[in-house]
Amino acid sequence: MSDIAPGGVPTEGVEAAGSTLAGSDYVLRTILGHTPFMLAHCSAEPRYRFVSNSYARLFGLRPEEVAGKHLAEIMGEGFKTVLPTSKGC
């Protein structure tokens, strides 16, 4: 018999799913930390969700200093030349 979480949701497999997500996060961070490519993913606002080390170094920053910032905060007004061609980065 499986455990039931509040709201009647079975908890069977939740730990495995959490472990899989943690593993995926680790893989993504490893790739972003070691790729020579400048990679960035942005929300529709447009704010950076995550960037590679190479991308952050372009601006003299660390990835954690870029994440969550609006494109204008990092790129200045130059972000307007990129934005029309992309719907989020």
Protein backbone atom coordinates (compact mmCIF):
# COMPACT_ATOMS: atom_id res chain seq x y z
CA MET A 1 0.00 0.00 0.00
CA SER A 2 1.44 3.39 -0.95
CA ASP A 3 1.46 6.46 1.26
CA ILE A 4 -0.98 9.25 0.50
CA ALA A 5 0.04 12.92 0.69
CA PRO A 6 -2.40 15.69 1.69
CA GLY A 7 -5.02 16.12 -1.02
CA GLY A 8 -5.12 12.38 -1.75
CA VAL A 9 -2.03 12.33 -3.99
CA PRO A 10 -0.07 9.05 -3.86
CA THR A 11 3.55 9.58 -2.83
CA GLU A 12 4.85 6.45 -4.54
CA GLY A 13 7.51 7.49 -7.05
CA VAL A 14 7.79 11.08 -5.76
CA GLU A 15 11.26 10.51 -4.31
CA ALA A 16 12.41 8.96 -7.57
CA ALA A 17 11.02 11.89 -9.55
CA GLY A 18 12.75 14.34 -7.23
CA SER A 19 15.97 12.43 -7.63
CA THR A 20 15.59 12.51 -11.42
CA LEU A 21 14.99 16.27 -11.36
CA ALA A 22 18.01 16.80 -9.13
CA GLY A 23 20.05 14.70 -11.55
CA SER A 24 18.80 16.73 -14.51
CA ASP A 25 19.71 19.96 -12.72
CA TYR A 26 23.19 18.60 -12.05
CA VAL A 27 23.63 17.63 -15.71
CA LEU A 28 22.44 21.06 -16.92
CA ARG A 29 24.76 22.90 -14.51
CA THR A 30 27.68 20.69 -15.55
CA ILE A 31 27.07 21.41 -19.23
CA LEU A 32 26.65 25.14 -18.64
CA GLY A 33 29.77 25.20 -16.52
CA HIS A 34 31.97 23.48 -19.08
CA THR A 35 30.69 24.36 -22.54
CA PRO A 36 32.74 26.86 -24.53
CA PHE A 37 29.50 28.12 -26.08
CA MET A 38 27.65 31.21 -24.91
CA LEU A 39 24.23 29.86 -23.92
CA ALA A 40 21.37 31.77 -22.32
CA HIS A 41 17.75 30.95 -21.58
CA CYS A 42 15.36 33.81 -20.82
CA SER A 43 11.76 34.19 -19.76
CA ALA A 44 9.18 36.18 -21.74
CA GLU A 45 9.68 39.25 -19.48
CA PRO A 46 12.71 39.00 -20.69
CA ARG A 47 14.80 37.90 -17.69
CA TYR A 48 17.68 35.47 -17.69
CA ARG A 49 16.73 32.07 -16.26
CA PHE A 50 20.21 30.60 -16.64
CA VAL A 51 23.38 31.23 -18.63
CA SER A 52 26.60 29.37 -19.34
CA ASN A 53 29.89 30.43 -17.76
CA SER A 54 31.07 31.55 -21.20
CA TYR A 55 28.03 33.83 -21.61
CA ALA A 56 28.46 35.38 -18.16
CA ARG A 57 32.20 35.95 -18.74
CA LEU A 58 31.35 37.97 -21.84
CA PHE A 59 29.97 40.58 -19.43
CA GLY A 60 32.62 40.06 -16.74
CA LEU A 61 30.14 38.30 -14.45
CA ARG A 62 29.42 34.89 -12.92
CA PRO A 63 26.29 32.99 -14.01
CA GLU A 64 24.61 33.53 -10.63
CA GLU A 65 25.07 37.30 -11.07
CA VAL A 66 23.17 37.17 -14.38
CA ALA A 67 20.31 34.81 -13.45
CA GLY A 68 17.09 36.67 -12.68
CA LYS A 69 18.26 39.96 -14.19
CA HIS A 70 16.44 41.74 -17.01
CA LEU A 71 18.30 41.67 -20.32
CA ALA A 72 18.68 45.47 -20.20
CA GLU A 73 20.53 45.18 -16.85
CA ILE A 74 23.18 42.99 -18.46
CA MET A 75 23.23 44.04 -22.12
CA GLY A 76 22.19 47.68 -21.81
CA GLU A 77 20.05 49.08 -24.59
CA GLY A 78 21.67 46.63 -27.02
CA PHE A 79 19.15 43.99 -25.94
CA LYS A 80 16.51 45.76 -28.06
CA THR A 81 18.37 44.77 -31.22
CA VAL A 82 18.16 41.08 -30.22
CA LEU A 83 14.67 41.00 -28.74
CA PRO A 84 12.58 41.46 -31.90
CA THR A 85 14.07 38.28 -33.38
CA SER A 86 13.49 36.14 -30.31
CA LYS A 87 10.53 35.33 -28.11
CA GLY A 88 12.46 34.80 -24.92
CA CYS A 89 16.04 33.62 -25.23
